Amino acid sequence: MNDTNQRFKASIGNKTYTFVGKSSAEHMKTVTKLMNERLSQLKEISPDIENEDAAILLAFNAFSEQLKMQEKLNETNGNAKNNERENRD
């Protein structure tokens, strides 16, 4: 990750956006690719879905996945701490 903000142009769902952030261009390209793949999947399942609704579903799914991963990480970290305590006793 860079210390300075960079501009990155991304085409998502046939629209171009400019993002500003510290992430690398490679990271932003990967995020753009994943977003377009997920949008395509949503459009295949529901061809008549409006772009705004598809974006809301995409965001909802992304936050849901993030929360599940965070819960798993917390559980793993909790188990590791418990194992450390058991090994000390």
PDB file of N, CA and C in Angstrom:
ATOM      1  N   MET A   1       0.840  -1.178   0.000  1.00  0.00           N
ATOM      2  CA  MET A   1       0.000   0.000   0.000  1.00  0.00           C
ATOM      3  C   MET A   1       0.887   1.244   0.000  1.00  0.00           C
ATOM      4  N   ASN A   2       0.490   2.250  -0.743  1.00  0.00           N
ATOM      5  CA  ASN A   2       1.226   3.508  -0.813  1.00  0.00           C
ATOM      6  C   ASN A   2       0.816   4.434   0.320  1.00  0.00           C
ATOM      7  N   ASP A   3       1.694   5.392   0.605  1.00  0.00           N
ATOM      8  CA  ASP A   3       1.366   6.401   1.612  1.00  0.00           C
ATOM      9  C   ASP A   3       0.610   7.577   1.020  1.00  0.00           C
ATOM     10  N   THR A   4       0.687   7.732  -0.297  1.00  0.00           N
ATOM     11  CA  THR A   4       0.020   8.861  -0.946  1.00  0.00           C
ATOM     12  C   THR A   4      -1.208   8.386  -1.709  1.00  0.00           C
ATOM     13  N   ASN A   5      -2.182   9.255  -1.793  1.00  0.00           N
ATOM     14  CA  ASN A   5      -3.394   8.927  -2.537  1.00  0.00           C
ATOM     15  C   ASN A   5      -3.097   8.877  -4.026  1.00  0.00           C
ATOM     16  N   GLN A   6      -3.737   7.924  -4.688  1.00  0.00           N
ATOM     17  CA  GLN A   6      -3.613   7.783  -6.129  1.00  0.00           C
ATOM     18  C   GLN A   6      -5.006   7.759  -6.731  1.00  0.00           C
ATOM     19  N   ARG A   7      -5.099   8.214  -7.962  1.00  0.00           N
ATOM     20  CA  ARG A   7      -6.361   8.147  -8.689  1.00  0.00           C
ATOM     21  C   ARG A   7      -6.363   6.871  -9.517  1.00  0.00           C
ATOM     22  N   PHE A   8      -7.521   6.218  -9.563  1.00  0.00           N
ATOM     23  CA  PHE A   8      -7.669   4.996 -10.346  1.00  0.00           C
ATOM     24  C   PHE A   8      -9.004   5.042 -11.066  1.00  0.00           C
ATOM     25  N   LYS A   9      -8.977   4.886 -12.391  1.00  0.00           N
ATOM     26  CA  LYS A   9     -10.215   4.845 -13.173  1.00  0.00           C
ATOM     27  C   LYS A   9     -10.615   3.396 -13.362  1.00  0.00           C
ATOM     28  N   ALA A  10     -11.889   3.120 -13.111  1.00  0.00           N
ATOM     29  CA  ALA A  10     -12.408   1.759 -13.222  1.00  0.00           C
ATOM     30  C   ALA A  10     -13.710   1.776 -14.002  1.00  0.00           C
ATOM     31  N   SER A  11     -13.844   0.822 -14.917  1.00  0.00           N
ATOM     32  CA  SER A  11     -15.108   0.641 -15.631  1.00  0.00           C
ATOM     33  C   SER A  11     -15.863  -0.481 -14.945  1.00  0.00           C
ATOM     34  N   ILE A  12     -16.982  -0.126 -14.354  1.00  0.00           N
ATOM     35  CA  ILE A  12     -17.800  -1.093 -13.626  1.00  0.00           C
ATOM     36  C   ILE A  12     -19.211  -1.000 -14.170  1.00  0.00           C
ATOM     37  N   GLY A  13     -19.702  -2.115 -14.698  1.00  0.00           N
ATOM     38  CA  GLY A  13     -21.057  -2.126 -15.229  1.00  0.00           C
ATOM     39  C   GLY A  13     -21.281  -1.080 -16.310  1.00  0.00           C
ATOM     40  N   ASN A  14     -20.355  -0.965 -17.243  1.00  0.00           N
ATOM     41  CA  ASN A  14     -20.461  -0.037 -18.377  1.00  0.00           C
ATOM     42  C   ASN A  14     -20.442   1.430 -17.976  1.00  0.00           C
ATOM     43  N   LYS A  15     -19.917   1.732 -16.815  1.00  0.00           N
ATOM     44  CA  LYS A  15     -19.789   3.117 -16.374  1.00  0.00           C
ATOM     45  C   LYS A  15     -18.384   3.295 -15.798  1.00  0.00           C
ATOM     46  N   THR A  16     -17.790   4.454 -16.046  1.00  0.00           N
ATOM     47  CA  THR A  16     -16.437   4.707 -15.562  1.00  0.00           C
ATOM     48  C   THR A  16     -16.488   5.534 -14.283  1.00  0.00           C
ATOM     49  N   TYR A  17     -15.706   5.089 -13.308  1.00  0.00           N
ATOM     50  CA  TYR A  17     -15.613   5.763 -12.018  1.00  0.00           C
ATOM     51  C   TYR A  17     -14.147   6.094 -11.753  1.00  0.00           C
ATOM     52  N   THR A  18     -13.909   7.156 -11.022  1.00  0.00           N
ATOM     53  CA  THR A  18     -12.560   7.484 -10.571  1.00  0.00           C
ATOM     54  C   THR A  18     -12.540   7.355  -9.053  1.00  0.00           C
ATOM     55  N   PHE A  19     -11.648   6.500  -8.578  1.00  0.00           N
ATOM     56  CA  PHE A  19     -11.489   6.275  -7.148  1.00  0.00           C
ATOM     57  C   PHE A  19     -10.169   6.889  -6.702  1.00  0.00           C
ATOM     58  N   VAL A  20     -10.141   7.391  -5.496  1.00  0.00           N
ATOM     59  CA  VAL A  20      -8.921   7.948  -4.925  1.00  0.00           C
ATOM     60  C   VAL A  20      -8.628   7.186  -3.644  1.00  0.00           C
ATOM     61  N   GLY A  21      -7.411   6.664  -3.539  1.00  0.00           N
ATOM     62  CA  GLY A  21      -7.054   5.922  -2.345  1.00  0.00           C
ATOM     63  C   GLY A  21      -5.594   5.536  -2.345  1.00  0.00           C
ATOM     64  N   LYS A  22      -5.199   4.837  -1.321  1.00  0.00           N
ATOM     65  CA  LYS A  22      -3.805   4.456  -1.135  1.00  0.00           C
ATOM     66  C   LYS A  22      -3.497   3.050  -1.654  1.00  0.00           C
ATOM     67  N   SER A  23      -4.500   2.325  -2.114  1.00  0.00           N
ATOM     68  CA  SER A  23      -4.293   0.960  -2.597  1.00  0.00           C
ATOM     69  C   SER A  23      -3.528   0.960  -3.913  1.00  0.00           C
ATOM     70  N   SER A  24      -2.836  -0.139  -4.168  1.00  0.00           N
ATOM     71  CA  SER A  24      -2.061  -0.255  -5.402  1.00  0.00           C
ATOM     72  C   SER A  24      -2.991  -0.389  -6.605  1.00  0.00           C
ATOM     73  N   ALA A  25      -2.455  -0.089  -7.770  1.00  0.00           N
ATOM     74  CA  ALA A  25      -3.223  -0.237  -9.007  1.00  0.00           C
ATOM     75  C   ALA A  25      -3.633  -1.696  -9.192  1.00  0.00           C
ATOM     76  N   GLU A  26      -2.750  -2.610  -8.840  1.00  0.00           N
ATOM     77  CA  GLU A  26      -3.061  -4.042  -8.969  1.00  0.00           C
ATOM     78  C   GLU A  26      -4.254  -4.427  -8.091  1.00  0.00           C
ATOM     79  N   HIS A  27      -4.277  -3.916  -6.874  1.00  0.00           N
ATOM     80  CA  HIS A  27      -5.397  -4.175  -5.966  1.00  0.00           C
ATOM     81  C   HIS A  27      -6.701  -3.645  -6.564  1.00  0.00           C
ATOM     82  N   MET A  28      -6.650  -2.425  -7.060  1.00  0.00           N
ATOM     83  CA  MET A  28      -7.849  -1.805  -7.632  1.00  0.00           C
ATOM     84  C   MET A  28      -8.326  -2.551  -8.872  1.00  0.00           C
ATOM     85  N   LYS A  29      -7.394  -3.042  -9.696  1.00  0.00           N
ATOM     86  CA  LYS A  29      -7.768  -3.832 -10.877  1.00  0.00           C
ATOM     87  C   LYS A  29      -8.466  -5.119 -10.450  1.00  0.00           C
ATOM     88  N   THR A  30      -7.952  -5.747  -9.411  1.00  0.00           N
ATOM     89  CA  THR A  30      -8.554  -6.989  -8.915  1.00  0.00           C
ATOM     90  C   THR A  30      -9.956  -6.732  -8.380  1.00  0.00           C
ATOM     91  N   VAL A  31     -10.125  -5.659  -7.621  1.00  0.00           N
ATOM     92  CA  VAL A  31     -11.449  -5.308  -7.091  1.00  0.00           C
ATOM     93  C   VAL A  31     -12.414  -5.029  -8.239  1.00  0.00           C
ATOM     94  N   THR A  32     -11.958  -4.290  -9.237  1.00  0.00           N
ATOM     95  CA  THR A  32     -12.798  -3.971 -10.395  1.00  0.00           C
ATOM     96  C   THR A  32     -13.228  -5.243 -11.114  1.00  0.00           C
ATOM     97  N   LYS A  33     -12.286  -6.152 -11.309  1.00  0.00           N
ATOM     98  CA  LYS A  33     -12.591  -7.419 -11.985  1.00  0.00           C
ATOM     99  C   LYS A  33     -13.630  -8.217 -11.198  1.00  0.00           C
ATOM    100  N   LEU A  34     -13.440  -8.318  -9.889  1.00  0.00           N
ATOM    101  CA  LEU A  34     -14.388  -9.062  -9.054  1.00  0.00           C
ATOM    102  C   LEU A  34     -15.774  -8.424  -9.076  1.00  0.00           C
ATOM    103  N   MET A  35     -15.816  -7.099  -9.015  1.00  0.00           N
ATOM    104  CA  MET A  35     -17.113  -6.410  -9.050  1.00  0.00           C
ATOM    105  C   MET A  35     -17.840  -6.683 -10.359  1.00  0.00           C
ATOM    106  N   ASN A  36     -17.117  -6.605 -11.473  1.00  0.00           N
ATOM    107  CA  ASN A  36     -17.745  -6.857 -12.765  1.00  0.00           C
ATOM    108  C   ASN A  36     -18.211  -8.305 -12.895  1.00  0.00           C
ATOM    109  N   GLU A  37     -17.437  -9.237 -12.348  1.00  0.00           N
ATOM    110  CA  GLU A  37     -17.855 -10.644 -12.363  1.00  0.00           C
ATOM    111  C   GLU A  37     -19.136 -10.834 -11.560  1.00  0.00           C
ATOM    112  N   ARG A  38     -19.187 -10.244 -10.369  1.00  0.00           N
ATOM    113  CA  ARG A  38     -20.380 -10.376  -9.527  1.00  0.00           C
ATOM    114  C   ARG A  38     -21.587  -9.690 -10.164  1.00  0.00           C
ATOM    115  N   LEU A  39     -21.384  -8.524 -10.768  1.00  0.00           N
ATOM    116  CA  LEU A  39     -22.491  -7.842 -11.450  1.00  0.00           C
ATOM    117  C   LEU A  39     -23.015  -8.691 -12.599  1.00  0.00           C
ATOM    118  N   SER A  40     -22.113  -9.325 -13.337  1.00  0.00           N
ATOM    119  CA  SER A  40     -22.524 -10.212 -14.433  1.00  0.00           C
ATOM    120  C   SER A  40     -23.357 -11.378 -13.910  1.00  0.00           C
ATOM    121  N   GLN A  41     -22.918 -11.946 -12.795  1.00  0.00           N
ATOM    122  CA  GLN A  41     -23.668 -13.055 -12.198  1.00  0.00           C
ATOM    123  C   GLN A  41     -25.070 -12.610 -11.799  1.00  0.00           C
ATOM    124  N   LEU A  42     -25.172 -11.429 -11.188  1.00  0.00           N
ATOM    125  CA  LEU A  42     -26.488 -10.910 -10.794  1.00  0.00           C
ATOM    126  C   LEU A  42     -27.373 -10.681 -12.013  1.00  0.00           C
ATOM    127  N   LYS A  43     -26.779 -10.154 -13.086  1.00  0.00           N
ATOM    128  CA  LYS A  43     -27.545  -9.886 -14.312  1.00  0.00           C
ATOM    129  C   LYS A  43     -28.007 -11.189 -14.968  1.00  0.00           C
ATOM    130  N   GLU A  44     -27.209 -12.256 -14.855  1.00  0.00           N
ATOM    131  CA  GLU A  44     -27.610 -13.553 -15.405  1.00  0.00           C
ATOM    132  C   GLU A  44     -28.797 -14.114 -14.633  1.00  0.00           C
ATOM    133  N   ILE A  45     -28.747 -13.978 -13.315  1.00  0.00           N
ATOM    134  CA  ILE A  45     -29.823 -14.493 -12.469  1.00  0.00           C
ATOM    135  C   ILE A  45     -31.087 -13.667 -12.644  1.00  0.00           C
ATOM    136  N   SER A  46     -30.931 -12.357 -12.693  1.00  0.00           N
ATOM    137  CA  SER A  46     -32.067 -11.426 -12.817  1.00  0.00           C
ATOM    138  C   SER A  46     -31.780 -10.429 -13.940  1.00  0.00           C
ATOM    139  N   PRO A  47     -32.046 -10.814 -15.187  1.00  0.00           N
ATOM    140  CA  PRO A  47     -31.702  -9.946 -16.323  1.00  0.00           C
ATOM    141  C   PRO A  47     -32.368  -8.571 -16.293  1.00  0.00           C
ATOM    142  N   ASP A  48     -33.511  -8.451 -15.657  1.00  0.00           N
ATOM    143  CA  ASP A  48     -34.236  -7.176 -15.647  1.00  0.00           C
ATOM    144  C   ASP A  48     -33.871  -6.281 -14.465  1.00  0.00           C
ATOM    145  N   ILE A  49     -32.915  -6.699 -13.655  1.00  0.00           N
ATOM    146  CA  ILE A  49     -32.566  -5.919 -12.469  1.00  0.00           C
ATOM    147  C   ILE A  49     -31.958  -4.574 -12.884  1.00  0.00           C
ATOM    148  N   GLU A  50     -32.357  -3.531 -12.196  1.00  0.00           N
ATOM    149  CA  GLU A  50     -31.804  -2.194 -12.445  1.00  0.00           C
ATOM    150  C   GLU A  50     -30.377  -2.135 -11.892  1.00  0.00           C
ATOM    151  N   ASN A  51     -29.552  -1.311 -12.506  1.00  0.00           N
ATOM    152  CA  ASN A  51     -28.154  -1.202 -12.068  1.00  0.00           C
ATOM    153  C   ASN A  51     -28.038  -0.797 -10.603  1.00  0.00           C
ATOM    154  N   GLU A  52     -28.882   0.122 -10.161  1.00  0.00           N
ATOM    155  CA  GLU A  52     -28.833   0.563  -8.764  1.00  0.00           C
ATOM    156  C   GLU A  52     -29.167  -0.588  -7.820  1.00  0.00           C
ATOM    157  N   ASP A  53     -30.184  -1.376  -8.164  1.00  0.00           N
ATOM    158  CA  ASP A  53     -30.550  -2.523  -7.330  1.00  0.00           C
ATOM    159  C   ASP A  53     -29.433  -3.564  -7.322  1.00  0.00           C
ATOM    160  N   ALA A  54     -28.807  -3.777  -8.477  1.00  0.00           N
ATOM    161  CA  ALA A  54     -27.695  -4.726  -8.554  1.00  0.00           C
ATOM    162  C   ALA A  54     -26.534  -4.247  -7.683  1.00  0.00           C
ATOM    163  N   ALA A  55     -26.277  -2.947  -7.692  1.00  0.00           N
ATOM    164  CA  ALA A  55     -25.196  -2.388  -6.874  1.00  0.00           C
ATOM    165  C   ALA A  55     -25.488  -2.564  -5.388  1.00  0.00           C
ATOM    166  N   ILE A  56     -26.753  -2.369  -4.994  1.00  0.00           N
ATOM    167  CA  ILE A  56     -27.131  -2.554  -3.585  1.00  0.00           C
ATOM    168  C   ILE A  56     -26.952  -4.018  -3.185  1.00  0.00           C
ATOM    169  N   LEU A  57     -27.382  -4.936  -4.030  1.00  0.00           N
ATOM    170  CA  LEU A  57     -27.202  -6.362  -3.734  1.00  0.00           C
ATOM    171  C   LEU A  57     -25.725  -6.721  -3.641  1.00  0.00           C
ATOM    172  N   LEU A  58     -24.941  -6.179  -4.550  1.00  0.00           N
ATOM    173  CA  LEU A  58     -23.507  -6.433  -4.544  1.00  0.00           C
ATOM    174  C   LEU A  58     -22.878  -5.934  -3.243  1.00  0.00           C
ATOM    175  N   ALA A  59     -23.234  -4.728  -2.828  1.00  0.00           N
ATOM    176  CA  ALA A  59     -22.706  -4.169  -1.580  1.00  0.00           C
ATOM    177  C   ALA A  59     -23.163  -4.995  -0.379  1.00  0.00           C
ATOM    178  N   PHE A  60     -24.428  -5.387  -0.366  1.00  0.00           N
ATOM    179  CA  PHE A  60     -24.962  -6.188   0.737  1.00  0.00           C
ATOM    180  C   PHE A  60     -24.197  -7.505   0.844  1.00  0.00           C
ATOM    181  N   ASN A  61     -24.019  -8.171  -0.304  1.00  0.00           N
ATOM    182  CA  ASN A  61     -23.301  -9.446  -0.310  1.00  0.00           C
ATOM    183  C   ASN A  61     -21.851  -9.272   0.134  1.00  0.00           C
ATOM    184  N   ALA A  62     -21.218  -8.190  -0.300  1.00  0.00           N
ATOM    185  CA  ALA A  62     -19.822  -7.940   0.077  1.00  0.00           C
ATOM    186  C   ALA A  62     -19.694  -7.732   1.584  1.00  0.00           C
ATOM    187  N   PHE A  63     -20.601  -6.938   2.161  1.00  0.00           N
ATOM    188  CA  PHE A  63     -20.554  -6.714   3.610  1.00  0.00           C
ATOM    189  C   PHE A  63     -20.866  -7.996   4.371  1.00  0.00           C
ATOM    190  N   SER A  64     -21.782  -8.788   3.855  1.00  0.00           N
ATOM    191  CA  SER A  64     -22.118 -10.056   4.493  1.00  0.00           C
ATOM    192  C   SER A  64     -20.902 -10.984   4.504  1.00  0.00           C
ATOM    193  N   GLU A  65     -20.214 -11.077   3.366  1.00  0.00           N
ATOM    194  CA  GLU A  65     -19.016 -11.915   3.287  1.00  0.00           C
ATOM    195  C   GLU A  65     -17.927 -11.392   4.217  1.00  0.00           C
ATOM    196  N   GLN A  66     -17.760 -10.081   4.264  1.00  0.00           N
ATOM    197  CA  GLN A  66     -16.749  -9.480   5.137  1.00  0.00           C
ATOM    198  C   GLN A  66     -17.046  -9.793   6.601  1.00  0.00           C
ATOM    199  N   LEU A  67     -18.295  -9.678   6.994  1.00  0.00           N
ATOM    200  CA  LEU A  67     -18.687  -9.959   8.372  1.00  0.00           C
ATOM    201  C   LEU A  67     -18.436 -11.420   8.728  1.00  0.00           C
ATOM    202  N   LYS A  68     -18.777 -12.335   7.818  1.00  0.00           N
ATOM    203  CA  LYS A  68     -18.531 -13.760   8.064  1.00  0.00           C
ATOM    204  C   LYS A  68     -17.038 -14.037   8.220  1.00  0.00           C
ATOM    205  N   MET A  69     -16.226 -13.421   7.363  1.00  0.00           N
ATOM    206  CA  MET A  69     -14.780 -13.623   7.449  1.00  0.00           C
ATOM    207  C   MET A  69     -14.226 -13.052   8.745  1.00  0.00           C
ATOM    208  N   GLN A  70     -14.745 -11.903   9.178  1.00  0.00           N
ATOM    209  CA  GLN A  70     -14.293 -11.299  10.433  1.00  0.00           C
ATOM    210  C   GLN A  70     -14.674 -12.182  11.620  1.00  0.00           C
ATOM    211  N   GLU A  71     -15.884 -12.743  11.587  1.00  0.00           N
ATOM    212  CA  GLU A  71     -16.313 -13.637  12.664  1.00  0.00           C
ATOM    213  C   GLU A  71     -15.424 -14.873  12.724  1.00  0.00           C
ATOM    214  N   LYS A  72     -15.071 -15.425  11.556  1.00  0.00           N
ATOM    215  CA  LYS A  72     -14.183 -16.584  11.509  1.00  0.00           C
ATOM    216  C   LYS A  72     -12.807 -16.237  12.063  1.00  0.00           C
ATOM    217  N   LEU A  73     -12.301 -15.073  11.682  1.00  0.00           N
ATOM    218  CA  LEU A  73     -10.999 -14.624  12.162  1.00  0.00           C
ATOM    219  C   LEU A  73     -11.022 -14.433  13.673  1.00  0.00           C
ATOM    220  N   ASN A  74     -12.076 -13.814  14.179  1.00  0.00           N
ATOM    221  CA  ASN A  74     -12.207 -13.620  15.622  1.00  0.00           C
ATOM    222  C   ASN A  74     -12.252 -14.957  16.345  1.00  0.00           C
ATOM    223  N   GLU A  75     -12.976 -15.910  15.769  1.00  0.00           N
ATOM    224  CA  GLU A  75     -13.074 -17.244  16.369  1.00  0.00           C
ATOM    225  C   GLU A  75     -11.707 -17.924  16.366  1.00  0.00           C
ATOM    226  N   THR A  76     -10.998 -17.829  15.252  1.00  0.00           N
ATOM    227  CA  THR A  76      -9.665 -18.425  15.145  1.00  0.00           C
ATOM    228  C   THR A  76      -8.709 -17.788  16.142  1.00  0.00           C
ATOM    229  N   ASN A  77      -8.737 -16.457  16.229  1.00  0.00           N
ATOM    230  CA  ASN A  77      -7.870 -15.758  17.188  1.00  0.00           C
ATOM    231  C   ASN A  77      -8.228 -16.127  18.621  1.00  0.00           C
ATOM    232  N   GLY A  78      -9.511 -16.273  18.903  1.00  0.00           N
ATOM    233  CA  GLY A  78      -9.950 -16.679  20.236  1.00  0.00           C
ATOM    234  C   GLY A  78      -9.470 -18.073  20.575  1.00  0.00           C
ATOM    235  N   ASN A  79      -9.549 -18.990  19.613  1.00  0.00           N
ATOM    236  CA  ASN A  79      -9.072 -20.353  19.834  1.00  0.00           C
ATOM    237  C   ASN A  79      -7.566 -20.375  20.054  1.00  0.00           C
ATOM    238  N   ALA A  80      -6.837 -19.551  19.308  1.00  0.00           N
ATOM    239  CA  ALA A  80      -5.380 -19.492  19.468  1.00  0.00           C
ATOM    240  C   ALA A  80      -5.019 -18.974  20.855  1.00  0.00           C
ATOM    241  N   LYS A  81      -5.729 -17.958  21.326  1.00  0.00           N
ATOM    242  CA  LYS A  81      -5.460 -17.416  22.662  1.00  0.00           C
ATOM    243  C   LYS A  81      -5.771 -18.448  23.735  1.00  0.00           C
ATOM    244  N   ASN A  82      -6.876 -19.189  23.558  1.00  0.00           N
ATOM    245  CA  ASN A  82      -7.226 -20.232  24.526  1.00  0.00           C
ATOM    246  C   ASN A  82      -6.157 -21.314  24.554  1.00  0.00           C
ATOM    247  N   ASN A  83      -5.638 -21.692  23.381  1.00  0.00           N
ATOM    248  CA  ASN A  83      -4.585 -22.704  23.317  1.00  0.00           C
ATOM    249  C   ASN A  83      -3.318 -22.221  24.014  1.00  0.00           C
ATOM    250  N   GLU A  84      -2.986 -20.935  23.844  1.00  0.00           N
ATOM    251  CA  GLU A  84      -1.813 -20.376  24.525  1.00  0.00           C
ATOM    252  C   GLU A  84      -1.980 -20.471  26.031  1.00  0.00           C
ATOM    253  N   ARG A  85      -3.154 -20.127  26.533  1.00  0.00           N
ATOM    254  CA  ARG A  85      -3.412 -20.177  27.979  1.00  0.00           C
ATOM    255  C   ARG A  85      -3.302 -21.607  28.491  1.00  0.00           C
ATOM    256  N   GLU A  86      -3.871 -22.553  27.732  1.00  0.00           N
ATOM    257  CA  GLU A  86      -3.828 -23.953  28.152  1.00  0.00           C
ATOM    258  C   GLU A  86      -2.396 -24.466  28.190  1.00  0.00           C
ATOM    259  N   ASN A  87      -1.585 -24.040  27.225  1.00  0.00           N
ATOM    260  CA  ASN A  87      -0.196 -24.497  27.178  1.00  0.00           C
ATOM    261  C   ASN A  87       0.638 -23.913  28.316  1.00  0.00           C
ATOM    262  N   ARG A  88       0.263 -22.726  28.804  1.00  0.00           N
ATOM    263  CA  ARG A  88       0.987 -22.108  29.916  1.00  0.00           C
ATOM    264  C   ARG A  88       0.632 -22.768  31.244  1.00  0.00           C
ATOM    265  N   ASP A  89      -0.581 -23.267  31.341  1.00  0.00           N
ATOM    266  CA  ASP A  89      -1.048 -23.832  32.626  1.00  0.00           C
ATOM    267  C   ASP A  89      -0.504 -25.202  32.897  1.00  0.00           C
TER     268      ASP A  89
END
